[in-house]
N, C-alpha and C. Protein backbone atom coordinates (compact mmCIF):
# COMPACT_ATOMS: atom_id res chain seq x y z
N UNK A 1 191.55 47.12 35.66
CA UNK A 1 191.59 48.35 34.92
C UNK A 1 190.46 49.25 35.42
N UNK A 2 190.74 50.52 35.60
CA UNK A 2 189.74 51.46 36.08
C UNK A 2 189.19 52.28 34.93
N UNK A 3 187.86 52.39 34.87
CA UNK A 3 187.17 53.14 33.83
C UNK A 3 186.39 54.27 34.49
N UNK A 4 186.00 55.26 33.69
CA UNK A 4 185.06 56.28 34.16
C UNK A 4 183.76 56.08 33.40
N UNK A 5 182.64 56.38 34.06
CA UNK A 5 181.34 56.23 33.44
C UNK A 5 180.40 57.28 34.02
N UNK A 6 179.57 57.85 33.15
CA UNK A 6 178.57 58.80 33.62
C UNK A 6 177.43 58.03 34.28
N UNK A 7 176.78 58.66 35.24
CA UNK A 7 175.70 58.00 35.98
C UNK A 7 174.58 57.55 35.05
N UNK A 8 174.25 58.34 34.06
CA UNK A 8 173.19 57.94 33.13
C UNK A 8 173.60 56.73 32.31
N UNK A 9 174.87 56.66 31.91
CA UNK A 9 175.35 55.49 31.17
C UNK A 9 175.37 54.25 32.06
N UNK A 10 175.70 54.45 33.33
CA UNK A 10 175.68 53.34 34.27
C UNK A 10 174.26 52.79 34.40
N UNK A 11 173.29 53.69 34.51
CA UNK A 11 171.90 53.26 34.64
C UNK A 11 171.45 52.47 33.41
N UNK A 12 171.89 52.87 32.25
CA UNK A 12 171.49 52.19 31.01
C UNK A 12 172.22 50.86 30.82
N UNK A 13 173.41 50.73 31.37
CA UNK A 13 174.25 49.56 31.10
C UNK A 13 174.69 48.85 32.37
N UNK A 14 173.86 48.88 33.39
CA UNK A 14 174.26 48.32 34.68
C UNK A 14 174.67 46.86 34.59
N UNK A 15 173.93 46.05 33.86
CA UNK A 15 174.26 44.63 33.75
C UNK A 15 175.64 44.42 33.13
N UNK A 16 175.95 45.16 32.08
CA UNK A 16 177.26 45.03 31.43
C UNK A 16 178.38 45.48 32.35
N UNK A 17 178.14 46.58 33.07
CA UNK A 17 179.16 47.09 33.99
C UNK A 17 179.43 46.07 35.09
N UNK A 18 178.36 45.52 35.67
CA UNK A 18 178.55 44.54 36.74
C UNK A 18 179.25 43.29 36.24
N UNK A 19 178.99 42.89 35.02
CA UNK A 19 179.69 41.74 34.44
C UNK A 19 181.18 42.02 34.31
N UNK A 20 181.52 43.21 33.87
CA UNK A 20 182.94 43.56 33.75
C UNK A 20 183.62 43.60 35.11
N UNK A 21 182.89 44.07 36.12
CA UNK A 21 183.45 44.10 37.47
C UNK A 21 183.65 42.67 37.97
N UNK A 22 182.66 41.83 37.75
CA UNK A 22 182.73 40.46 38.28
C UNK A 22 183.75 39.60 37.55
N UNK A 23 183.68 39.59 36.23
CA UNK A 23 184.48 38.63 35.49
C UNK A 23 185.85 39.15 35.05
N UNK A 24 185.95 40.45 34.79
CA UNK A 24 187.24 40.99 34.36
C UNK A 24 187.96 41.73 35.47
N UNK A 25 187.26 41.86 36.65
CA UNK A 25 187.83 42.55 37.81
C UNK A 25 188.11 44.03 37.52
N UNK A 26 187.34 44.63 36.57
CA UNK A 26 187.46 46.05 36.27
C UNK A 26 186.82 46.86 37.39
N UNK A 27 187.16 48.13 37.48
CA UNK A 27 186.51 49.03 38.41
C UNK A 27 186.07 50.28 37.65
N UNK A 28 185.08 50.97 38.20
CA UNK A 28 184.50 52.13 37.53
C UNK A 28 184.37 53.27 38.52
N UNK A 29 184.69 54.48 38.05
CA UNK A 29 184.41 55.70 38.80
C UNK A 29 183.18 56.32 38.14
N UNK A 30 182.14 56.54 38.93
CA UNK A 30 180.88 57.07 38.42
C UNK A 30 180.89 58.59 38.56
N UNK A 31 180.61 59.27 37.45
CA UNK A 31 180.59 60.73 37.43
C UNK A 31 179.16 61.22 37.29
N UNK A 32 178.85 62.29 38.03
CA UNK A 32 177.53 62.92 37.94
C UNK A 32 177.74 64.43 38.03
N UNK A 33 177.16 65.13 37.10
CA UNK A 33 177.28 66.60 37.05
C UNK A 33 178.74 67.03 37.02
N UNK A 34 179.56 66.29 36.30
CA UNK A 34 180.96 66.66 36.13
C UNK A 34 181.87 66.36 37.30
N UNK A 35 181.36 65.61 38.30
CA UNK A 35 182.19 65.28 39.46
C UNK A 35 182.09 63.79 39.77
N UNK A 36 183.18 63.20 40.25
CA UNK A 36 183.11 61.79 40.66
C UNK A 36 182.29 61.65 41.93
N UNK A 37 181.38 60.67 41.95
CA UNK A 37 180.51 60.49 43.11
C UNK A 37 180.61 59.10 43.72
N UNK A 38 181.10 58.13 42.96
CA UNK A 38 181.15 56.76 43.49
C UNK A 38 182.19 55.95 42.73
N UNK A 39 182.57 54.86 43.36
CA UNK A 39 183.48 53.92 42.71
C UNK A 39 182.87 52.53 42.84
N UNK A 40 182.83 51.79 41.74
CA UNK A 40 182.35 50.41 41.75
C UNK A 40 183.57 49.52 41.57
N UNK A 41 183.81 48.69 42.57
CA UNK A 41 184.98 47.82 42.54
C UNK A 41 184.57 46.39 42.88
N UNK A 42 185.33 45.41 42.44
CA UNK A 42 185.01 44.03 42.80
C UNK A 42 185.24 43.79 44.29
N UNK A 43 184.42 42.94 44.86
CA UNK A 43 184.59 42.56 46.26
C UNK A 43 185.73 41.56 46.33
N UNK A 44 186.60 41.75 47.30
CA UNK A 44 187.69 40.80 47.49
C UNK A 44 187.09 39.51 48.03
N UNK A 45 187.39 38.43 47.40
CA UNK A 45 186.83 37.14 47.78
C UNK A 45 187.84 36.39 48.63
N UNK A 46 187.57 36.33 49.93
CA UNK A 46 188.49 35.68 50.85
C UNK A 46 188.53 34.17 50.71
N UNK A 47 187.55 33.59 50.00
CA UNK A 47 187.52 32.13 49.85
C UNK A 47 188.14 31.68 48.54
N UNK A 48 188.70 32.58 47.77
CA UNK A 48 189.28 32.21 46.49
C UNK A 48 190.39 31.19 46.70
N UNK A 49 190.32 30.12 45.98
CA UNK A 49 191.32 29.08 46.09
C UNK A 49 190.96 27.99 47.09
N UNK A 50 189.92 28.19 47.87
CA UNK A 50 189.50 27.17 48.82
C UNK A 50 188.83 26.02 48.07
N UNK A 51 189.03 24.83 48.56
CA UNK A 51 188.43 23.67 47.93
C UNK A 51 187.29 23.13 48.78
N UNK A 52 186.54 22.22 48.22
CA UNK A 52 185.47 21.58 48.98
C UNK A 52 186.06 20.80 50.15
N UNK A 53 187.21 20.22 49.94
CA UNK A 53 187.89 19.51 51.03
C UNK A 53 188.25 20.43 52.17
N UNK A 54 188.68 21.66 51.85
CA UNK A 54 188.97 22.66 52.88
C UNK A 54 187.72 22.98 53.69
N UNK A 55 186.61 23.16 53.00
CA UNK A 55 185.35 23.47 53.68
C UNK A 55 184.92 22.32 54.57
N UNK A 56 185.06 21.09 54.09
CA UNK A 56 184.69 19.92 54.89
C UNK A 56 185.57 19.82 56.13
N UNK A 57 186.84 20.09 55.97
CA UNK A 57 187.76 20.05 57.10
C UNK A 57 187.38 21.08 58.16
N UNK A 58 187.04 22.28 57.73
CA UNK A 58 186.64 23.32 58.68
C UNK A 58 185.35 22.91 59.37
N UNK A 59 184.41 22.34 58.61
CA UNK A 59 183.13 21.89 59.18
C UNK A 59 183.36 20.82 60.25
N UNK A 60 184.20 19.84 59.94
CA UNK A 60 184.44 18.73 60.87
C UNK A 60 185.21 19.17 62.11
N UNK A 61 186.06 20.16 61.98
CA UNK A 61 186.86 20.64 63.11
C UNK A 61 186.13 21.68 63.93
N UNK A 62 184.88 21.98 63.60
CA UNK A 62 184.11 23.02 64.27
C UNK A 62 183.77 22.67 65.70
N UNK A 63 183.08 23.58 66.35
CA UNK A 63 182.70 23.41 67.75
C UNK A 63 181.67 22.29 67.90
N UNK A 64 181.55 21.82 69.12
CA UNK A 64 180.56 20.79 69.43
C UNK A 64 179.16 21.33 69.21
N UNK A 65 178.24 20.46 68.82
CA UNK A 65 176.87 20.90 68.60
C UNK A 65 176.17 21.14 69.94
N UNK A 66 175.17 21.98 69.89
CA UNK A 66 174.40 22.33 71.08
C UNK A 66 173.14 21.47 71.09
N UNK A 67 172.99 20.58 72.07
CA UNK A 67 171.82 19.69 72.08
C UNK A 67 170.50 20.45 72.25
N UNK A 68 170.53 21.63 72.82
CA UNK A 68 169.30 22.39 73.01
C UNK A 68 168.85 23.11 71.73
N UNK A 69 169.69 23.10 70.71
CA UNK A 69 169.36 23.79 69.47
C UNK A 69 168.11 23.20 68.83
N UNK A 70 167.98 21.89 68.81
CA UNK A 70 166.80 21.24 68.23
C UNK A 70 165.54 21.63 68.98
N UNK A 71 165.63 21.76 70.30
CA UNK A 71 164.48 22.20 71.08
C UNK A 71 164.08 23.62 70.72
N UNK A 72 165.08 24.47 70.53
CA UNK A 72 164.79 25.85 70.13
C UNK A 72 164.09 25.89 68.78
N UNK A 73 164.52 25.04 67.85
CA UNK A 73 163.87 24.99 66.54
C UNK A 73 162.43 24.51 66.65
N UNK A 74 162.17 23.56 67.53
CA UNK A 74 160.80 23.08 67.74
C UNK A 74 159.91 24.20 68.26
N UNK A 75 160.42 25.01 69.17
CA UNK A 75 159.64 26.14 69.71
C UNK A 75 159.34 27.14 68.60
N UNK A 76 160.33 27.43 67.79
CA UNK A 76 160.15 28.39 66.69
C UNK A 76 159.14 27.85 65.69
N UNK A 77 159.28 26.60 65.30
CA UNK A 77 158.35 26.02 64.33
C UNK A 77 156.93 25.97 64.87
N UNK A 78 156.75 25.70 66.15
CA UNK A 78 155.41 25.65 66.74
C UNK A 78 154.75 27.02 66.75
N UNK A 79 155.53 28.08 66.88
CA UNK A 79 154.95 29.42 66.94
C UNK A 79 154.78 30.05 65.56
N UNK A 80 155.29 29.42 64.53
CA UNK A 80 155.22 29.95 63.18
C UNK A 80 153.92 29.49 62.53
N UNK A 81 152.96 30.40 62.41
CA UNK A 81 151.66 30.10 61.81
C UNK A 81 151.53 30.85 60.49
N UNK A 82 151.09 30.18 59.44
CA UNK A 82 150.92 30.88 58.17
C UNK A 82 149.78 31.89 58.26
N UNK A 83 149.90 32.95 57.51
CA UNK A 83 148.86 33.97 57.50
C UNK A 83 147.59 33.41 56.89
N UNK A 84 146.44 33.84 57.40
CA UNK A 84 145.17 33.38 56.84
C UNK A 84 144.94 34.01 55.48
N UNK A 85 145.37 35.23 55.31
CA UNK A 85 145.28 35.91 54.03
C UNK A 85 146.71 36.17 53.54
N UNK A 86 147.15 35.54 52.46
CA UNK A 86 148.54 35.70 52.03
C UNK A 86 148.88 37.11 51.59
N UNK A 87 147.88 37.96 51.36
CA UNK A 87 148.15 39.32 50.93
C UNK A 87 148.34 40.28 52.10
N UNK A 88 148.01 39.81 53.31
CA UNK A 88 148.26 40.63 54.50
C UNK A 88 149.66 40.32 55.02
N UNK A 89 150.33 41.34 55.51
CA UNK A 89 151.65 41.08 56.07
C UNK A 89 151.79 41.71 57.42
């Protein structure tokens, strides 16, 4: 179901609006200054209906592992040094 909502009402009730989008699959047209400016719609979930068994099957049928990948991770981990001051970035 599609609803209309003013931008100020959206800002005040964002959590409720997102819940309606997620769980009820509602959509909203956001109005600002008397004109529609955006639409909030649920994301189509391509994995809907997939089972854990399906995921395991895809994992097992995947490409061969790369033996050099572990070496690459070792190089990355060796070069990763924690900051001396955690507040500096």
